[in-house]
Protein backbone atom coordinates (compact mmCIF):
# COMPACT_ATOMS: atom_id res chain seq x y z
CA MET A 1 70.14 -24.32 -24.16
CA GLY A 2 70.19 -22.46 -20.76
CA ASP A 3 73.22 -20.86 -18.58
CA LEU A 4 75.98 -22.80 -17.64
CA LYS A 5 75.75 -22.74 -14.09
CA SER A 6 78.12 -25.51 -12.87
CA LYS A 7 81.55 -23.79 -11.57
CA ARG A 8 83.41 -26.87 -12.22
CA LEU A 9 82.20 -27.01 -16.04
CA ILE A 10 82.29 -22.94 -16.79
CA VAL A 11 86.32 -23.84 -15.14
CA LEU A 12 86.39 -26.75 -17.40
CA LYS A 13 85.26 -24.44 -20.54
CA GLY A 14 87.80 -21.98 -19.75
CA TRP A 15 90.72 -24.51 -19.73
CA LEU A 16 89.00 -26.08 -22.65
CA PHE A 17 89.14 -22.54 -24.70
CA LEU A 18 92.86 -22.24 -23.44
CA ALA A 19 93.77 -25.61 -24.83
CA VAL A 20 92.42 -24.79 -28.18
CA ALA A 21 94.07 -21.29 -28.27
CA VAL A 22 97.25 -23.73 -27.32
CA LEU A 23 96.83 -25.90 -30.26
CA ALA A 24 95.88 -23.09 -32.58
CA GLY A 25 99.29 -21.22 -31.81
CA THR A 26 101.38 -24.32 -31.49
CA GLY A 27 99.78 -25.46 -35.27
CA LEU A 28 101.04 -22.08 -36.86
CA LEU A 29 104.29 -22.61 -35.42
CA LEU A 30 104.94 -26.03 -36.61
CA ARG A 31 103.58 -24.85 -40.05
CA ASP A 32 105.97 -21.96 -40.09
CA PRO A 33 108.58 -21.97 -37.41
CA SER A 34 109.97 -18.54 -37.65
CA TRP A 35 110.23 -15.87 -34.88
CA GLN A 36 107.77 -13.31 -37.00
CA THR A 37 105.45 -16.14 -36.61
CA ALA A 38 105.79 -16.71 -32.78
CA ALA A 39 105.78 -12.62 -32.39
CA LEU A 40 102.34 -12.93 -34.66
CA VAL A 41 100.83 -15.42 -32.25
CA VAL A 42 101.41 -13.43 -29.29
CA VAL A 43 99.96 -10.26 -30.73
CA LEU A 44 97.01 -12.18 -32.03
CA ALA A 45 96.38 -13.51 -28.22
CA TRP A 46 97.18 -9.98 -27.14
CA ALA A 47 94.70 -8.69 -29.11
CA ALA A 48 92.21 -11.17 -28.92
CA ALA A 49 91.95 -10.67 -25.31
CA ARG A 50 92.22 -7.35 -24.94
CA PHE A 51 88.94 -7.16 -27.77
CA TYR A 52 87.28 -9.63 -25.35
CA TYR A 53 88.00 -7.24 -22.28
CA PHE A 54 86.50 -4.36 -24.48
CA LEU A 55 83.28 -6.25 -25.46
CA PHE A 56 82.26 -7.38 -22.03
CA TYR A 57 83.53 -5.02 -19.68
CA VAL A 58 84.49 -1.67 -21.17
CA LEU A 59 81.36 -1.25 -23.12
CA GLU A 60 79.35 -2.07 -19.95
CA LYS A 61 80.80 -0.19 -17.50
CA TYR A 62 81.86 2.76 -19.50
CA VAL A 63 80.10 2.86 -22.46
CA ASP A 64 76.48 2.32 -21.79
CA PRO A 65 75.20 0.69 -18.45
CA ASP A 66 72.04 -0.25 -19.89
CA LEU A 67 73.65 -2.43 -22.84
CA ARG A 68 73.11 -5.94 -21.68
CA TYR A 69 74.43 -9.28 -23.50
CA VAL A 70 75.71 -12.51 -23.07
CA GLY A 71 77.74 -13.04 -26.28
CA MET A 72 78.99 -11.64 -29.16
CA LEU A 73 75.94 -12.51 -31.64
CA ASP A 74 73.86 -10.97 -28.76
CA LEU A 75 75.49 -7.98 -29.11
CA LEU A 76 75.00 -7.51 -32.77
CA LYS A 77 71.18 -7.94 -32.32
CA ALA A 78 71.09 -5.58 -29.34
CA LEU A 79 73.03 -2.63 -31.58
CA LEU A 80 70.71 -3.80 -34.57
CA ARG A 81 67.73 -2.94 -32.81
CA ARG A 82 69.11 0.20 -31.20
CA ARG A 83 69.73 1.22 -34.82
CA ARG A 84 66.17 0.63 -36.15
CA LYS A 85 64.57 2.88 -33.23
CA PRO A 86 63.87 6.03 -34.27
């Protein structure tokens, strides 16, 4: 499968990710409607966004500019390849 190049489809994909996140958070809150659950959902969303930023910006810009990857599996493969090299 090739890279997604259509700007409209990229934006649609972003909105779909947002919809999935909102639905998942809503589902958790409906299952257990409490302030503790709401707080945990907010912390989860924040931490996941920071982890994404770390994986796709911080590692490339500050840790290793030569490390190139397009997804988490690609990153894992690259790290495993580097580990095997003497």
